[in-house]
Amino acid sequence: MMAVAMLVTAICSFLISLLTFVILLIEKITKK
């Protein structure tokens, strides 16, 4: 059970990082 929780936490943090990167990329493209 602990391993599953750690995996979920890792996936969530990865998705948040990916989402932040995508948002910054979109802002950079639209500002041009």
PDB file of N, CA and C in Angstrom:
ATOM      1  N   MET A   1       0.830  -1.209   0.000  1.00  0.00           N
ATOM      2  CA  MET A   1       0.000   0.000   0.000  1.00  0.00           C
ATOM      3  C   MET A   1       0.870   1.267   0.000  1.00  0.00           C
ATOM      4  N   MET A   2       1.948   1.253   0.749  1.00  0.00           N
ATOM      5  CA  MET A   2       2.826   2.422   0.817  1.00  0.00           C
ATOM      6  C   MET A   2       3.455   2.722  -0.547  1.00  0.00           C
ATOM      7  N   ALA A   3       3.830   1.652  -1.267  1.00  0.00           N
ATOM      8  CA  ALA A   3       4.448   1.828  -2.583  1.00  0.00           C
ATOM      9  C   ALA A   3       3.465   2.492  -3.547  1.00  0.00           C
ATOM     10  N   VAL A   4       2.194   2.116  -3.448  1.00  0.00           N
ATOM     11  CA  VAL A   4       1.166   2.705  -4.322  1.00  0.00           C
ATOM     12  C   VAL A   4       1.032   4.202  -4.039  1.00  0.00           C
ATOM     13  N   ALA A   5       1.025   4.572  -2.765  1.00  0.00           N
ATOM     14  CA  ALA A   5       0.912   5.978  -2.376  1.00  0.00           C
ATOM     15  C   ALA A   5       2.104   6.784  -2.891  1.00  0.00           C
ATOM     16  N   MET A   6       3.290   6.220  -2.786  1.00  0.00           N
ATOM     17  CA  MET A   6       4.497   6.885  -3.278  1.00  0.00           C
ATOM     18  C   MET A   6       4.429   7.063  -4.786  1.00  0.00           C
ATOM     19  N   LEU A   7       3.935   6.037  -5.482  1.00  0.00           N
ATOM     20  CA  LEU A   7       3.815   6.084  -6.941  1.00  0.00           C
ATOM     21  C   LEU A   7       2.827   7.172  -7.353  1.00  0.00           C
ATOM     22  N   VAL A   8       1.700   7.235  -6.665  1.00  0.00           N
ATOM     23  CA  VAL A   8       0.678   8.254  -6.957  1.00  0.00           C
ATOM     24  C   VAL A   8       1.247   9.656  -6.728  1.00  0.00           C
ATOM     25  N   THR A   9       1.981   9.832  -5.640  1.00  0.00           N
ATOM     26  CA  THR A   9       2.591  11.130  -5.333  1.00  0.00           C
ATOM     27  C   THR A   9       3.588  11.529  -6.417  1.00  0.00           C
ATOM     28  N   ALA A  10       4.407  10.571  -6.861  1.00  0.00           N
ATOM     29  CA  ALA A  10       5.393  10.829  -7.908  1.00  0.00           C
ATOM     30  C   ALA A  10       4.708  11.216  -9.213  1.00  0.00           C
ATOM     31  N   ILE A  11       3.638  10.507  -9.562  1.00  0.00           N
ATOM     32  CA  ILE A  11       2.899  10.800 -10.793  1.00  0.00           C
ATOM     33  C   ILE A  11       2.265  12.192 -10.710  1.00  0.00           C
ATOM     34  N   CYS A  12       1.683  12.518  -9.572  1.00  0.00           N
ATOM     35  CA  CYS A  12       1.047  13.826  -9.385  1.00  0.00           C
ATOM     36  C   CYS A  12       2.065  14.958  -9.524  1.00  0.00           C
ATOM     37  N   SER A  13       3.207  14.835  -8.884  1.00  0.00           N
ATOM     38  CA  SER A  13       4.229  15.875  -8.960  1.00  0.00           C
ATOM     39  C   SER A  13       4.761  16.009 -10.382  1.00  0.00           C
ATOM     40  N   PHE A  14       4.887  14.873 -11.097  1.00  0.00           N
ATOM     41  CA  PHE A  14       5.340  14.886 -12.487  1.00  0.00           C
ATOM     42  C   PHE A  14       4.323  15.600 -13.372  1.00  0.00           C
ATOM     43  N   LEU A  15       3.049  15.305 -13.172  1.00  0.00           N
ATOM     44  CA  LEU A  15       1.984  15.938 -13.967  1.00  0.00           C
ATOM     45  C   LEU A  15       1.929  17.440 -13.708  1.00  0.00           C
ATOM     46  N   ILE A  16       2.123  17.849 -12.455  1.00  0.00           N
ATOM     47  CA  ILE A  16       2.121  19.274 -12.110  1.00  0.00           C
ATOM     48  C   ILE A  16       3.292  19.979 -12.806  1.00  0.00           C
ATOM     49  N   SER A  17       4.461  19.356 -12.796  1.00  0.00           N
ATOM     50  CA  SER A  17       5.634  19.931 -13.456  1.00  0.00           C
ATOM     51  C   SER A  17       5.393  20.053 -14.950  1.00  0.00           C
ATOM     52  N   LEU A  18       4.815  19.000 -15.540  1.00  0.00           N
ATOM     53  CA  LEU A  18       4.532  18.978 -16.973  1.00  0.00           C
ATOM     54  C   LEU A  18       3.524  20.066 -17.324  1.00  0.00           C
ATOM     55  N   LEU A  19       2.489  20.202 -16.517  1.00  0.00           N
ATOM     56  CA  LEU A  19       1.447  21.206 -16.746  1.00  0.00           C
ATOM     57  C   LEU A  19       2.033  22.614 -16.666  1.00  0.00           C
ATOM     58  N   THR A  20       2.880  22.864 -15.678  1.00  0.00           N
ATOM     59  CA  THR A  20       3.521  24.168 -15.524  1.00  0.00           C
ATOM     60  C   THR A  20       4.382  24.487 -16.738  1.00  0.00           C
ATOM     61  N   PHE A  21       5.145  23.494 -17.221  1.00  0.00           N
ATOM     62  CA  PHE A  21       5.997  23.658 -18.395  1.00  0.00           C
ATOM     63  C   PHE A  21       5.168  23.997 -19.627  1.00  0.00           C
ATOM     64  N   VAL A  22       4.058  23.278 -19.808  1.00  0.00           N
ATOM     65  CA  VAL A  22       3.174  23.512 -20.962  1.00  0.00           C
ATOM     66  C   VAL A  22       2.573  24.916 -20.908  1.00  0.00           C
ATOM     67  N   ILE A  23       2.137  25.344 -19.726  1.00  0.00           N
ATOM     68  CA  ILE A  23       1.553  26.687 -19.568  1.00  0.00           C
ATOM     69  C   ILE A  23       2.593  27.759 -19.901  1.00  0.00           C
ATOM     70  N   LEU A  24       3.806  27.610 -19.406  1.00  0.00           N
ATOM     71  CA  LEU A  24       4.864  28.578 -19.692  1.00  0.00           C
ATOM     72  C   LEU A  24       5.185  28.605 -21.178  1.00  0.00           C
ATOM     73  N   LEU A  25       5.206  27.432 -21.810  1.00  0.00           N
ATOM     74  CA  LEU A  25       5.488  27.317 -23.241  1.00  0.00           C
ATOM     75  C   LEU A  25       4.403  28.026 -24.045  1.00  0.00           C
ATOM     76  N   ILE A  26       3.137  27.817 -23.693  1.00  0.00           N
ATOM     77  CA  ILE A  26       2.009  28.456 -24.387  1.00  0.00           C
ATOM     78  C   ILE A  26       2.090  29.979 -24.233  1.00  0.00           C
ATOM     79  N   GLU A  27       2.392  30.449 -23.029  1.00  0.00           N
ATOM     80  CA  GLU A  27       2.515  31.887 -22.791  1.00  0.00           C
ATOM     81  C   GLU A  27       3.644  32.479 -23.635  1.00  0.00           C
ATOM     82  N   LYS A  28       4.749  31.767 -23.736  1.00  0.00           N
ATOM     83  CA  LYS A  28       5.900  32.223 -24.521  1.00  0.00           C
ATOM     84  C   LYS A  28       5.541  32.322 -26.000  1.00  0.00           C
ATOM     85  N   ILE A  29       4.794  31.339 -26.498  1.00  0.00           N
ATOM     86  CA  ILE A  29       4.397  31.310 -27.909  1.00  0.00           C
ATOM     87  C   ILE A  29       3.394  32.429 -28.206  1.00  0.00           C
ATOM     88  N   THR A  30       2.407  32.608 -27.329  1.00  0.00           N
ATOM     89  CA  THR A  30       1.361  33.610 -27.583  1.00  0.00           C
ATOM     90  C   THR A  30       1.889  35.036 -27.439  1.00  0.00           C
ATOM     91  N   LYS A  31       2.932  35.247 -26.650  1.00  0.00           N
ATOM     92  CA  LYS A  31       3.482  36.589 -26.458  1.00  0.00           C
ATOM     93  C   LYS A  31       4.274  37.063 -27.680  1.00  0.00           C
ATOM     94  N   LYS A  32       4.772  36.155 -28.487  1.00  0.00           N
ATOM     95  CA  LYS A  32       5.582  36.519 -29.665  1.00  0.00           C
ATOM     96  C   LYS A  32       4.788  37.382 -30.644  1.00  0.00           C
TER      97      LYS A  32
END
